[in-house]
Amino acid sequence: MLGDDAIDDDGPRPPHKRYRGNQPSTTVLLDQLTPHTLGALIALYEHKVFVQAVIWDINPFDQWGVELGKQIATETQQIIDGQAPADHMDASTRGLIDAFWAADK
C-alpha cells in the first residue's frame, strides 16, 4: 500500500487529494500507556508538527491531509483487528503491524 494505492478511490484527483507515498513517518511503540507517556506523546507530536510547519512553511491544519490520514488509519485499524487482510501493505507498515501483534500477545 504505497502512495495513491492507499486510497480506495478510482479516477483523477486534484493535487491536494493525492498521496505521494514513501514519506517519512514517526512510529512509537510503548510497553504501557500511562498518563506520563500519553503526555509525552502529545508533547512530542505537537512539537514535531509545529517545527515541520515552520521549516516547510506549510499549514499543519490542512483538512484534506487530515481526512486522508483518517482513511488510512481506519484501514490499518481494521487490519490490526483482523477484519481485513494485510497483503497489500508495504513492508514497513507490515513490519509495524507484526511488531504490534507480537507485543499484544
Protein backbone atom coordinates (compact mmCIF):
# COMPACT_ATOMS: atom_id res chain seq x y z
CA MET A 1 0.00 0.00 0.00
CA LEU A 2 2.07 2.89 -1.28
CA GLY A 3 1.05 6.32 -2.45
CA ASP A 4 -2.26 6.69 -4.19
CA ASP A 5 -2.79 2.91 -3.92
CA ALA A 6 -3.55 3.55 -0.24
CA ILE A 7 -6.78 5.27 -1.24
CA ASP A 8 -9.85 3.40 -2.41
CA ASP A 9 -10.85 5.98 -4.99
CA ASP A 10 -10.51 5.43 -8.72
CA GLY A 11 -10.26 8.29 -11.12
CA PRO A 12 -8.37 11.55 -11.26
CA ARG A 13 -7.87 13.57 -8.09
CA PRO A 14 -6.79 17.17 -7.63
CA PRO A 15 -3.24 17.64 -6.29
CA HIS A 16 -4.42 18.32 -2.73
CA LYS A 17 -6.11 14.89 -2.64
CA ARG A 18 -3.09 12.92 -3.85
CA TYR A 19 -0.82 10.87 -1.62
CA ARG A 20 2.72 10.57 -2.95
CA GLY A 21 3.70 7.77 -0.58
CA ASN A 22 7.18 6.90 0.63
CA GLN A 23 7.08 9.79 3.09
CA PRO A 24 8.90 9.81 6.43
CA SER A 25 6.87 8.94 9.49
CA THR A 26 7.38 8.55 13.19
CA THR A 27 6.26 5.41 14.98
CA VAL A 28 6.48 4.95 18.72
CA LEU A 29 5.74 1.57 20.33
CA LEU A 30 5.20 1.60 24.10
CA ASP A 31 5.02 -1.31 26.53
CA GLN A 32 2.39 0.53 28.56
CA LEU A 33 0.29 3.65 28.11
CA THR A 34 0.32 5.76 31.26
CA PRO A 35 -0.67 9.38 31.88
CA HIS A 36 3.02 10.27 31.73
CA THR A 37 3.71 8.51 28.41
CA LEU A 38 0.49 9.87 26.90
CA GLY A 39 1.51 13.41 27.85
CA ALA A 40 4.96 12.83 26.40
CA LEU A 41 3.47 11.54 23.14
CA ILE A 42 1.18 14.56 22.81
CA ALA A 43 4.05 16.96 23.52
CA LEU A 44 6.29 15.14 21.01
CA TYR A 45 3.61 15.27 18.31
CA GLU A 46 2.77 18.95 18.91
CA HIS A 47 6.43 19.92 18.79
CA LYS A 48 7.09 17.84 15.66
CA VAL A 49 4.10 19.33 13.80
CA PHE A 50 4.99 22.90 14.79
CA VAL A 51 8.66 22.60 13.81
CA GLN A 52 7.86 20.94 10.47
CA ALA A 53 5.24 23.59 9.67
CA VAL A 54 7.72 26.38 10.38
CA ILE A 55 10.56 24.79 8.41
CA TRP A 56 8.44 23.81 5.41
CA ASP A 57 6.20 26.89 5.56
CA ILE A 58 3.02 24.79 5.42
CA ASN A 59 -0.36 24.81 7.10
CA PRO A 60 -0.30 21.96 9.64
CA PHE A 61 -4.10 22.01 9.83
CA ASP A 62 -4.62 21.02 6.18
CA GLN A 63 -8.04 19.36 6.33
CA TRP A 64 -7.51 17.26 3.18
CA GLY A 65 -4.43 15.69 4.71
CA VAL A 66 -6.30 15.01 7.94
CA GLU A 67 -9.13 13.28 6.07
CA LEU A 68 -6.67 11.16 4.10
CA GLY A 69 -4.90 10.20 7.31
CA LYS A 70 -8.23 9.10 8.81
CA GLN A 71 -8.91 6.85 5.81
CA ILE A 72 -5.50 5.20 6.03
CA ALA A 73 -5.72 4.87 9.84
CA THR A 74 -9.17 3.26 9.62
CA GLU A 75 -7.92 0.67 7.15
CA THR A 76 -4.85 -0.02 9.27
CA GLN A 77 -7.03 -0.44 12.39
CA GLN A 78 -9.18 -2.99 10.52
CA ILE A 79 -6.05 -4.96 9.65
CA ILE A 80 -4.80 -4.84 13.25
CA ASP A 81 -8.21 -6.06 14.45
CA GLY A 82 -8.09 -8.94 11.96
CA GLN A 83 -11.04 -7.62 9.94
CA ALA A 84 -9.04 -7.05 6.73
CA PRO A 85 -6.02 -8.71 5.08
CA ALA A 86 -2.61 -7.06 5.20
CA ASP A 87 -1.41 -8.46 1.87
CA HIS A 88 -1.37 -5.09 0.09
CA MET A 89 0.57 -3.24 2.82
CA ASP A 90 4.15 -2.17 2.14
CA ALA A 91 6.95 -3.94 4.03
CA SER A 92 7.44 -1.13 6.55
CA THR A 93 3.77 -0.98 7.54
CA ARG A 94 3.52 -4.77 7.64
CA GLY A 95 6.57 -4.89 9.93
CA LEU A 96 4.99 -2.40 12.33
CA ILE A 97 1.73 -4.36 12.40
CA ASP A 98 3.66 -7.59 13.07
CA ALA A 99 5.54 -5.86 15.91
CA PHE A 100 2.24 -4.67 17.36
CA TRP A 101 0.75 -8.16 17.17
CA ALA A 102 3.87 -9.65 18.82
CA ALA A 103 3.72 -7.13 21.67
CA ASP A 104 -0.01 -7.68 22.11
CA LYS A 105 0.46 -11.38 22.97
